[in-house]
């Protein structure tokens, strides 16, 4: 993270420079892909103004604030920047979750009511279990399956790049279901 501080109409002191740099380090904990931050501090008559512009890997954010005290203007501008970063991070993570959900939906079954064509009885799916599969070989899947107590094990086969299911037949035999 590269920080540039510019002072307009006053001389920048080391105390203000250190305060700005220490305050901006807090932004790194919210968003670690920050490339540069440019801070412009200016004094016009009795107003102290702080403008912060931040460039991240895919985003650019700005915040400005005016106050009677320079330290107060810096704090408020950084708080605004934190709020923008949090909002952006929430938006990005929600978008990623939505993308993951859409990506894995073909592997999941949905709860629906099925009707047999020749009978009038309804068959309902009582429980739906969502599983994120690991990419494994059949031998690795058997080794991991033996450590579990389930009757089946779902995994993505490395050789076929498809979802497979291992089912226990007895203590030493397994059935491999491939679509």
Protein backbone atom coordinates (compact mmCIF):
# COMPACT_ATOMS: atom_id res chain seq x y z
CA UNK A 1 0.00 0.00 0.00
CA UNK A 2 1.52 3.28 -1.15
CA UNK A 3 0.39 6.42 0.72
CA UNK A 4 0.84 9.92 -0.72
CA UNK A 5 0.00 12.98 1.38
CA UNK A 6 -0.35 16.45 -0.14
CA UNK A 7 -0.76 19.66 1.88
CA UNK A 8 -2.31 22.79 0.35
CA UNK A 9 -2.03 26.25 1.87
CA UNK A 10 -0.17 25.05 4.97
CA UNK A 11 2.99 23.24 5.90
CA UNK A 12 2.60 19.54 6.65
CA UNK A 13 4.02 18.61 10.03
CA UNK A 14 5.46 15.24 10.94
CA UNK A 15 2.73 14.80 13.58
CA UNK A 16 -0.06 15.14 11.00
CA UNK A 17 1.81 12.91 8.52
CA UNK A 18 2.29 10.17 11.14
CA UNK A 19 -1.34 10.50 12.28
CA UNK A 20 -2.64 10.08 8.71
CA UNK A 21 -0.40 7.10 8.00
CA UNK A 22 -1.32 5.33 11.25
CA UNK A 23 -5.02 5.97 10.65
CA UNK A 24 -4.88 4.66 7.07
CA UNK A 25 -3.28 1.39 8.17
CA UNK A 26 -6.67 0.56 9.73
CA UNK A 27 -8.15 0.36 6.23
CA UNK A 28 -5.83 -2.52 5.39
CA UNK A 29 -7.65 -4.83 7.82
CA UNK A 30 -10.93 -4.36 5.95
CA UNK A 31 -9.57 -4.64 2.44
CA UNK A 32 -6.12 -6.07 1.70
CA UNK A 33 -6.02 -5.29 -2.04
CA UNK A 34 -5.33 -1.56 -1.65
CA UNK A 35 -2.71 -0.32 -4.12
CA UNK A 36 -2.45 3.42 -3.48
CA UNK A 37 -4.04 6.00 -1.22
CA UNK A 38 -3.73 9.70 -1.94
CA UNK A 39 -4.62 12.14 0.86
CA UNK A 40 -5.03 15.86 0.17
CA UNK A 41 -5.15 18.12 3.21
CA UNK A 42 -6.05 21.78 2.69
CA UNK A 43 -6.79 24.85 4.77
CA UNK A 44 -9.12 27.52 3.40
CA UNK A 45 -9.85 30.41 5.77
CA UNK A 46 -10.97 28.57 8.92
CA UNK A 47 -12.02 25.30 7.24
CA UNK A 48 -9.80 22.24 7.29
CA UNK A 49 -10.50 19.85 4.45
CA UNK A 50 -9.40 16.24 3.96
CA UNK A 51 -9.86 14.36 0.68
CA UNK A 52 -8.93 10.68 0.42
CA UNK A 53 -8.83 8.76 -2.84
CA UNK A 54 -8.04 5.07 -2.82
CA UNK A 55 -7.23 2.75 -5.71
CA UNK A 56 -7.66 -0.95 -5.12
CA UNK A 57 -7.23 -3.83 -7.54
CA UNK A 58 -10.63 -3.35 -9.20
CA UNK A 59 -12.14 -0.35 -7.44
CA UNK A 60 -11.56 3.33 -6.82
CA UNK A 61 -13.12 5.09 -3.82
CA UNK A 62 -13.16 8.72 -2.63
CA UNK A 63 -14.19 10.43 0.58
CA UNK A 64 -14.04 14.07 1.65
CA UNK A 65 -14.73 15.91 4.87
CA UNK A 66 -14.54 19.42 6.31
CA UNK A 67 -14.12 20.36 9.94
CA UNK A 68 -12.74 23.12 12.15
CA UNK A 69 -9.89 20.83 13.30
CA UNK A 70 -7.59 19.01 10.87
CA UNK A 71 -7.45 15.84 13.00
CA UNK A 72 -11.26 15.73 13.16
CA UNK A 73 -11.49 16.16 9.36
CA UNK A 74 -8.99 13.29 8.88
CA UNK A 75 -10.88 11.00 11.28
CA UNK A 76 -14.26 11.68 9.67
CA UNK A 77 -12.91 11.18 6.13
CA UNK A 78 -11.33 7.87 7.16
CA UNK A 79 -14.61 6.77 8.80
CA UNK A 80 -16.43 7.52 5.54
CA UNK A 81 -13.81 5.51 3.64
CA UNK A 82 -14.22 2.60 6.08
CA UNK A 83 -17.98 2.65 5.53
CA UNK A 84 -17.50 2.59 1.76
CA UNK A 85 -15.00 -0.28 1.99
CA UNK A 86 -17.33 -2.31 4.23
CA UNK A 87 -20.23 -1.73 1.84
CA UNK A 88 -18.08 -2.69 -1.14
CA UNK A 89 -16.75 -5.78 0.59
CA UNK A 90 -20.29 -6.90 1.49
CA UNK A 91 -21.38 -6.38 -2.09
CA UNK A 92 -18.43 -8.37 -3.44
CA UNK A 93 -18.90 -11.26 -1.00
CA UNK A 94 -22.66 -11.42 -1.69
CA UNK A 95 -21.90 -11.50 -5.41
CA UNK A 96 -19.37 -14.30 -4.89
CA UNK A 97 -21.81 -16.30 -2.76
CA UNK A 98 -24.47 -15.89 -5.43
CA UNK A 99 -22.01 -17.06 -8.08
CA UNK A 100 -21.01 -20.08 -6.01
CA UNK A 101 -24.63 -20.95 -5.39
CA UNK A 102 -25.40 -20.79 -9.11
CA UNK A 103 -22.25 -22.76 -9.90
CA UNK A 104 -23.09 -25.64 -7.57
CA UNK A 105 -26.86 -25.74 -8.15
CA UNK A 106 -26.67 -28.51 -10.79
CA UNK A 107 -25.10 -30.77 -8.15
CA UNK A 108 -27.86 -30.17 -5.61
CA UNK A 109 -31.31 -31.62 -5.46
CA UNK A 110 -34.26 -29.46 -4.57
CA UNK A 111 -37.15 -30.33 -2.32
CA UNK A 112 -40.14 -31.07 -4.51
CA UNK A 113 -43.26 -33.19 -4.45
CA UNK A 114 -43.29 -36.06 -6.94
CA UNK A 115 -46.43 -37.75 -8.18
CA UNK A 116 -46.45 -41.26 -9.59
CA UNK A 117 -48.17 -41.39 -12.94
CA UNK A 118 -50.19 -44.54 -12.32
CA UNK A 119 -51.07 -43.92 -8.66
CA UNK A 120 -52.49 -40.96 -6.80
CA UNK A 121 -50.08 -41.17 -3.83
CA UNK A 122 -47.65 -38.34 -3.32
CA UNK A 123 -43.98 -38.92 -2.60
CA UNK A 124 -42.34 -36.06 -0.80
CA UNK A 125 -38.67 -35.42 -0.42
CA UNK A 126 -38.35 -34.82 3.32
CA UNK A 127 -34.78 -33.65 3.60
CA UNK A 128 -32.32 -31.99 1.24
CA UNK A 129 -28.63 -32.08 2.05
CA UNK A 130 -26.36 -29.63 0.26
CA UNK A 131 -22.84 -30.94 -0.24
CA UNK A 132 -19.76 -29.17 -1.59
CA UNK A 133 -17.69 -31.93 -3.11
CA UNK A 134 -13.93 -32.41 -2.98
CA UNK A 135 -11.98 -33.38 -6.08
CA UNK A 136 -10.43 -36.78 -5.33
CA UNK A 137 -9.31 -39.98 -6.95
CA UNK A 138 -11.33 -43.10 -6.20
CA UNK A 139 -8.63 -44.41 -3.83
CA UNK A 140 -8.49 -41.11 -1.94
CA UNK A 141 -12.29 -41.08 -1.71
CA UNK A 142 -12.32 -44.63 -0.28
CA UNK A 143 -9.66 -43.69 2.27
CA UNK A 144 -11.64 -40.64 3.37
CA UNK A 145 -14.92 -42.60 3.28
CA UNK A 146 -13.53 -45.21 5.69
CA UNK A 147 -12.98 -42.50 8.33
CA UNK A 148 -16.66 -41.52 8.23
CA UNK A 149 -19.74 -43.28 9.55
CA UNK A 150 -22.05 -42.35 6.65
CA UNK A 151 -23.53 -44.96 4.32
CA UNK A 152 -22.42 -42.99 1.25
CA UNK A 153 -19.71 -40.53 0.20
CA UNK A 154 -20.09 -37.91 -2.56
CA UNK A 155 -16.99 -36.61 -4.36
CA UNK A 156 -15.84 -35.21 -7.70
CA UNK A 157 -13.79 -37.79 -9.56
CA UNK A 158 -10.45 -36.52 -10.91
CA UNK A 159 -10.42 -38.91 -13.88
CA UNK A 160 -13.93 -38.20 -15.16
CA UNK A 161 -14.37 -34.68 -13.70
CA UNK A 162 -17.91 -35.68 -12.66
CA UNK A 163 -19.74 -36.21 -9.40
CA UNK A 164 -19.53 -39.80 -8.10
CA UNK A 165 -21.01 -41.55 -5.09
CA UNK A 166 -19.44 -44.34 -3.05
CA UNK A 167 -21.87 -46.63 -1.22
CA UNK A 168 -20.95 -49.25 1.40
CA UNK A 169 -22.11 -52.72 0.47
CA UNK A 170 -20.52 -54.45 3.46
CA UNK A 171 -17.36 -54.05 5.55
CA UNK A 172 -14.91 -54.53 2.68
CA UNK A 173 -16.85 -53.82 -0.53
CA UNK A 174 -17.99 -50.53 -2.01
CA UNK A 175 -20.24 -49.61 -4.91
CA UNK A 176 -19.16 -46.66 -7.11
CA UNK A 177 -22.04 -44.80 -8.77
CA UNK A 178 -21.07 -42.72 -11.81
CA UNK A 179 -23.59 -40.59 -13.72
